[in-house]
Amino acid sequence: MALEMRGSCERCGVALSREGEAYICTFECTWCAACAGELAYVCPNCTGELVRRPRPAAA
């Protein structure tokens, strides 16, 4: 099962590249690094931990 790799932060709307830094919870809510830090790395939707999203494998 592959990650959805959403393209923007759910809080501020900033564009997120597939290779760039982003944070997700277990439900794949997606946040930029700045917003994740402001949220103390806790998802406001599910209260789960926000962790750095893995980068896709090089093709």
PDB file of N, CA and C in Angstrom:
ATOM      1  N   MET A   1       0.842  -1.175   0.000  1.00  0.00           N
ATOM      2  CA  MET A   1       0.000   0.000   0.000  1.00  0.00           C
ATOM      3  C   MET A   1       0.889   1.241   0.000  1.00  0.00           C
ATOM      4  N   ALA A   2       0.763   2.064  -0.997  1.00  0.00           N
ATOM      5  CA  ALA A   2       1.587   3.269  -1.147  1.00  0.00           C
ATOM      6  C   ALA A   2       0.943   4.460  -0.443  1.00  0.00           C
ATOM      7  N   LEU A   3       1.786   5.395  -0.020  1.00  0.00           N
ATOM      8  CA  LEU A   3       1.287   6.629   0.574  1.00  0.00           C
ATOM      9  C   LEU A   3       0.665   7.506  -0.499  1.00  0.00           C
ATOM     10  N   GLU A   4      -0.308   8.293  -0.105  1.00  0.00           N
ATOM     11  CA  GLU A   4      -0.986   9.178  -1.041  1.00  0.00           C
ATOM     12  C   GLU A   4      -0.092  10.328  -1.513  1.00  0.00           C
ATOM     13  N   MET A   5       0.848  10.784  -0.661  1.00  0.00           N
ATOM     14  CA  MET A   5       1.789  11.865  -0.995  1.00  0.00           C
ATOM     15  C   MET A   5       1.044  13.136  -1.421  1.00  0.00           C
ATOM     16  N   ARG A   6       0.240  13.655  -0.539  1.00  0.00           N
ATOM     17  CA  ARG A   6      -0.522  14.873  -0.810  1.00  0.00           C
ATOM     18  C   ARG A   6       0.415  16.038  -1.099  1.00  0.00           C
ATOM     19  N   GLY A   7      -0.043  16.949  -1.925  1.00  0.00           N
ATOM     20  CA  GLY A   7       0.817  18.002  -2.435  1.00  0.00           C
ATOM     21  C   GLY A   7       0.787  19.339  -1.723  1.00  0.00           C
ATOM     22  N   SER A   8      -0.009  19.451  -0.640  1.00  0.00           N
ATOM     23  CA  SER A   8      -0.040  20.727   0.074  1.00  0.00           C
ATOM     24  C   SER A   8      -0.324  20.514   1.553  1.00  0.00           C
ATOM     25  N   CYS A   9       0.085  21.490   2.340  1.00  0.00           N
ATOM     26  CA  CYS A   9      -0.127  21.454   3.788  1.00  0.00           C
ATOM     27  C   CYS A   9      -1.608  21.674   4.084  1.00  0.00           C
ATOM     28  N   GLU A  10      -2.164  20.872   4.969  1.00  0.00           N
ATOM     29  CA  GLU A  10      -3.585  20.992   5.312  1.00  0.00           C
ATOM     30  C   GLU A  10      -3.901  22.230   6.142  1.00  0.00           C
ATOM     31  N   ARG A  11      -2.888  22.843   6.707  1.00  0.00           N
ATOM     32  CA  ARG A  11      -3.116  24.007   7.570  1.00  0.00           C
ATOM     33  C   ARG A  11      -2.916  25.321   6.824  1.00  0.00           C
ATOM     34  N   CYS A  12      -1.772  25.475   6.172  1.00  0.00           N
ATOM     35  CA  CYS A  12      -1.462  26.758   5.524  1.00  0.00           C
ATOM     36  C   CYS A  12      -1.566  26.712   3.998  1.00  0.00           C
ATOM     37  N   GLY A  13      -1.658  25.507   3.427  1.00  0.00           N
ATOM     38  CA  GLY A  13      -1.822  25.374   1.982  1.00  0.00           C
ATOM     39  C   GLY A  13      -0.552  25.461   1.158  1.00  0.00           C
ATOM     40  N   VAL A  14       0.613  25.593   1.799  1.00  0.00           N
ATOM     41  CA  VAL A  14       1.865  25.687   1.053  1.00  0.00           C
ATOM     42  C   VAL A  14       2.074  24.405   0.230  1.00  0.00           C
ATOM     43  N   ALA A  15       2.619  24.567  -0.973  1.00  0.00           N
ATOM     44  CA  ALA A  15       2.892  23.413  -1.837  1.00  0.00           C
ATOM     45  C   ALA A  15       4.023  22.576  -1.248  1.00  0.00           C
ATOM     46  N   LEU A  16       3.875  21.257  -1.306  1.00  0.00           N
ATOM     47  CA  LEU A  16       4.879  20.315  -0.811  1.00  0.00           C
ATOM     48  C   LEU A  16       5.329  19.431  -1.964  1.00  0.00           C
ATOM     49  N   SER A  17       6.626  19.415  -2.231  1.00  0.00           N
ATOM     50  CA  SER A  17       7.128  18.543  -3.290  1.00  0.00           C
ATOM     51  C   SER A  17       7.216  17.112  -2.771  1.00  0.00           C
ATOM     52  N   ARG A  18       7.205  16.163  -3.664  1.00  0.00           N
ATOM     53  CA  ARG A  18       7.281  14.749  -3.276  1.00  0.00           C
ATOM     54  C   ARG A  18       8.588  14.445  -2.553  1.00  0.00           C
ATOM     55  N   GLU A  19       9.656  15.141  -2.917  1.00  0.00           N
ATOM     56  CA  GLU A  19      10.963  14.897  -2.319  1.00  0.00           C
ATOM     57  C   GLU A  19      11.240  15.803  -1.122  1.00  0.00           C
ATOM     58  N   GLY A  20      10.388  16.795  -0.898  1.00  0.00           N
ATOM     59  CA  GLY A  20      10.614  17.766   0.165  1.00  0.00           C
ATOM     60  C   GLY A  20      10.180  17.271   1.535  1.00  0.00           C
ATOM     61  N   GLU A  21      10.469  18.095   2.533  1.00  0.00           N
ATOM     62  CA  GLU A  21      10.139  17.749   3.910  1.00  0.00           C
ATOM     63  C   GLU A  21       8.652  17.977   4.170  1.00  0.00           C
ATOM     64  N   ALA A  22       7.991  16.967   4.696  1.00  0.00           N
ATOM     65  CA  ALA A  22       6.584  17.051   5.079  1.00  0.00           C
ATOM     66  C   ALA A  22       6.361  16.073   6.225  1.00  0.00           C
ATOM     67  N   TYR A  23       5.293  16.290   6.967  1.00  0.00           N
ATOM     68  CA  TYR A  23       4.972  15.440   8.117  1.00  0.00           C
ATOM     69  C   TYR A  23       3.573  14.875   7.950  1.00  0.00           C
ATOM     70  N   ILE A  24       3.400  13.612   8.379  1.00  0.00           N
ATOM     71  CA  ILE A  24       2.112  12.937   8.258  1.00  0.00           C
ATOM     72  C   ILE A  24       1.771  12.206   9.552  1.00  0.00           C
ATOM     73  N   CYS A  25       0.468  11.916   9.725  1.00  0.00           N
ATOM     74  CA  CYS A  25       0.018  11.060  10.825  1.00  0.00           C
ATOM     75  C   CYS A  25      -0.354   9.703  10.218  1.00  0.00           C
ATOM     76  N   THR A  26      -0.909   8.814  11.011  1.00  0.00           N
ATOM     77  CA  THR A  26      -1.252   7.481  10.502  1.00  0.00           C
ATOM     78  C   THR A  26      -2.373   7.516   9.471  1.00  0.00           C
ATOM     79  N   PHE A  27      -3.160   8.602   9.441  1.00  0.00           N
ATOM     80  CA  PHE A  27      -4.228   8.732   8.448  1.00  0.00           C
ATOM     81  C   PHE A  27      -3.773   9.536   7.234  1.00  0.00           C
ATOM     82  N   GLU A  28      -2.481   9.862   7.179  1.00  0.00           N
ATOM     83  CA  GLU A  28      -1.852  10.612   6.095  1.00  0.00           C
ATOM     84  C   GLU A  28      -2.301  12.064   6.000  1.00  0.00           C
ATOM     85  N   CYS A  29      -2.797  12.624   7.121  1.00  0.00           N
ATOM     86  CA  CYS A  29      -2.986  14.071   7.158  1.00  0.00           C
ATOM     87  C   CYS A  29      -1.590  14.646   6.937  1.00  0.00           C
ATOM     88  N   THR A  30      -1.476  15.687   6.145  1.00  0.00           N
ATOM     89  CA  THR A  30      -0.164  16.158   5.696  1.00  0.00           C
ATOM     90  C   THR A  30       0.070  17.610   6.082  1.00  0.00           C
ATOM     91  N   TRP A  31       1.268  17.877   6.627  1.00  0.00           N
ATOM     92  CA  TRP A  31       1.606  19.194   7.146  1.00  0.00           C
ATOM     93  C   TRP A  31       3.010  19.589   6.705  1.00  0.00           C
ATOM     94  N   CYS A  32       3.239  20.872   6.485  1.00  0.00           N
ATOM     95  CA  CYS A  32       4.594  21.347   6.208  1.00  0.00           C
ATOM     96  C   CYS A  32       5.386  21.327   7.515  1.00  0.00           C
ATOM     97  N   ALA A  33       6.697  21.469   7.421  1.00  0.00           N
ATOM     98  CA  ALA A  33       7.553  21.419   8.606  1.00  0.00           C
ATOM     99  C   ALA A  33       7.213  22.533   9.593  1.00  0.00           C
ATOM    100  N   ALA A  34       6.946  23.734   9.092  1.00  0.00           N
ATOM    101  CA  ALA A  34       6.639  24.857   9.984  1.00  0.00           C
ATOM    102  C   ALA A  34       5.355  24.606  10.767  1.00  0.00           C
ATOM    103  N   CYS A  35       4.305  24.166  10.086  1.00  0.00           N
ATOM    104  CA  CYS A  35       3.036  23.910  10.770  1.00  0.00           C
ATOM    105  C   CYS A  35       3.145  22.717  11.713  1.00  0.00           C
ATOM    106  N   ALA A  36       3.849  21.677  11.309  1.00  0.00           N
ATOM    107  CA  ALA A  36       4.028  20.513  12.190  1.00  0.00           C
ATOM    108  C   ALA A  36       4.693  20.939  13.492  1.00  0.00           C
ATOM    109  N   GLY A  37       5.698  21.792  13.403  1.00  0.00           N
ATOM    110  CA  GLY A  37       6.369  22.289  14.599  1.00  0.00           C
ATOM    111  C   GLY A  37       5.441  23.121  15.469  1.00  0.00           C
ATOM    112  N   GLU A  38       4.650  23.986  14.836  1.00  0.00           N
ATOM    113  CA  GLU A  38       3.699  24.812  15.581  1.00  0.00           C
ATOM    114  C   GLU A  38       2.631  23.961  16.262  1.00  0.00           C
ATOM    115  N   LEU A  39       2.331  22.798  15.688  1.00  0.00           N
ATOM    116  CA  LEU A  39       1.342  21.878  16.267  1.00  0.00           C
ATOM    117  C   LEU A  39       1.975  20.921  17.274  1.00  0.00           C
ATOM    118  N   ALA A  40       3.241  21.129  17.589  1.00  0.00           N
ATOM    119  CA  ALA A  40       3.995  20.270  18.525  1.00  0.00           C
ATOM    120  C   ALA A  40       4.008  18.819  18.048  1.00  0.00           C
ATOM    121  N   TYR A  41       3.988  18.640  16.716  1.00  0.00           N
ATOM    122  CA  TYR A  41       4.054  17.314  16.086  1.00  0.00           C
ATOM    123  C   TYR A  41       2.916  16.394  16.538  1.00  0.00           C
ATOM    124  N   VAL A  42       1.723  16.999  16.746  1.00  0.00           N
ATOM    125  CA  VAL A  42       0.512  16.249  17.084  1.00  0.00           C
ATOM    126  C   VAL A  42      -0.560  16.643  16.074  1.00  0.00           C
ATOM    127  N   CYS A  43      -1.148  15.664  15.400  1.00  0.00           N
ATOM    128  CA  CYS A  43      -2.182  15.928  14.399  1.00  0.00           C
ATOM    129  C   CYS A  43      -3.441  16.464  15.089  1.00  0.00           C
ATOM    130  N   PRO A  44      -3.934  17.635  14.670  1.00  0.00           N
ATOM    131  CA  PRO A  44      -5.141  18.175  15.286  1.00  0.00           C
ATOM    132  C   PRO A  44      -6.408  17.421  14.876  1.00  0.00           C
ATOM    133  N   ASN A  45      -6.328  16.626  13.817  1.00  0.00           N
ATOM    134  CA  ASN A  45      -7.487  15.863  13.356  1.00  0.00           C
ATOM    135  C   ASN A  45      -7.708  14.588  14.157  1.00  0.00           C
ATOM    136  N   CYS A  46      -6.621  13.865  14.453  1.00  0.00           N
ATOM    137  CA  CYS A  46      -6.753  12.559  15.119  1.00  0.00           C
ATOM    138  C   CYS A  46      -5.958  12.460  16.418  1.00  0.00           C
ATOM    139  N   THR A  47      -5.224  13.493  16.763  1.00  0.00           N
ATOM    140  CA  THR A  47      -4.320  13.559  17.922  1.00  0.00           C
ATOM    141  C   THR A  47      -3.172  12.555  17.842  1.00  0.00           C
ATOM    142  N   GLY A  48      -2.919  12.026  16.660  1.00  0.00           N
ATOM    143  CA  GLY A  48      -1.795  11.115  16.460  1.00  0.00           C
ATOM    144  C   GLY A  48      -0.491  11.878  16.281  1.00  0.00           C
ATOM    145  N   GLU A  49       0.614  11.163  16.392  1.00  0.00           N
ATOM    146  CA  GLU A  49       1.942  11.746  16.238  1.00  0.00           C
ATOM    147  C   GLU A  49       2.204  12.098  14.774  1.00  0.00           C
ATOM    148  N   LEU A  50       2.796  13.250  14.550  1.00  0.00           N
ATOM    149  CA  LEU A  50       3.236  13.632  13.208  1.00  0.00           C
ATOM    150  C   LEU A  50       4.691  13.228  13.057  1.00  0.00           C
ATOM    151  N   VAL A  51       4.974  12.474  12.005  1.00  0.00           N
ATOM    152  CA  VAL A  51       6.329  12.014  11.730  1.00  0.00           C
ATOM    153  C   VAL A  51       6.719  12.440  10.322  1.00  0.00           C
ATOM    154  N   ARG A  52       8.021  12.505  10.075  1.00  0.00           N
ATOM    155  CA  ARG A  52       8.498  12.922   8.756  1.00  0.00           C
ATOM    156  C   ARG A  52       8.060  11.916   7.696  1.00  0.00           C
ATOM    157  N   ARG A  53       7.496  12.436   6.626  1.00  0.00           N
ATOM    158  CA  ARG A  53       7.030  11.598   5.521  1.00  0.00           C
ATOM    159  C   ARG A  53       8.235  11.047   4.775  1.00  0.00           C
ATOM    160  N   PRO A  54       8.241   9.746   4.478  1.00  0.00           N
ATOM    161  CA  PRO A  54       9.376   9.180   3.738  1.00  0.00           C
ATOM    162  C   PRO A  54       9.416   9.723   2.313  1.00  0.00           C
ATOM    163  N   ARG A  55      10.606   9.821   1.786  1.00  0.00           N
ATOM    164  CA  ARG A  55      10.770  10.257   0.398  1.00  0.00           C
ATOM    165  C   ARG A  55      10.592   9.054  -0.515  1.00  0.00           C
ATOM    166  N   PRO A  56      10.063   9.268  -1.719  1.00  0.00           N
ATOM    167  CA  PRO A  56       9.910   8.148  -2.645  1.00  0.00           C
ATOM    168  C   PRO A  56      11.269   7.622  -3.106  1.00  0.00           C
ATOM    169  N   ALA A  57      11.304   6.366  -3.455  1.00  0.00           N
ATOM    170  CA  ALA A  57      12.535   5.756  -3.962  1.00  0.00           C
ATOM    171  C   ALA A  57      12.907   6.393  -5.293  1.00  0.00           C
ATOM    172  N   ALA A  58      14.186   6.522  -5.539  1.00  0.00           N
ATOM    173  CA  ALA A  58      14.652   7.068  -6.813  1.00  0.00           C
ATOM    174  C   ALA A  58      14.279   6.117  -7.936  1.00  0.00           C
ATOM    175  N   ALA A  59      13.825   6.686  -9.036  1.00  0.00           N
ATOM    176  CA  ALA A  59      13.389   5.852 -10.170  1.00  0.00           C
ATOM    177  C   ALA A  59      14.551   5.460 -11.041  1.00  0.00           C
TER     178      ALA A  59
END
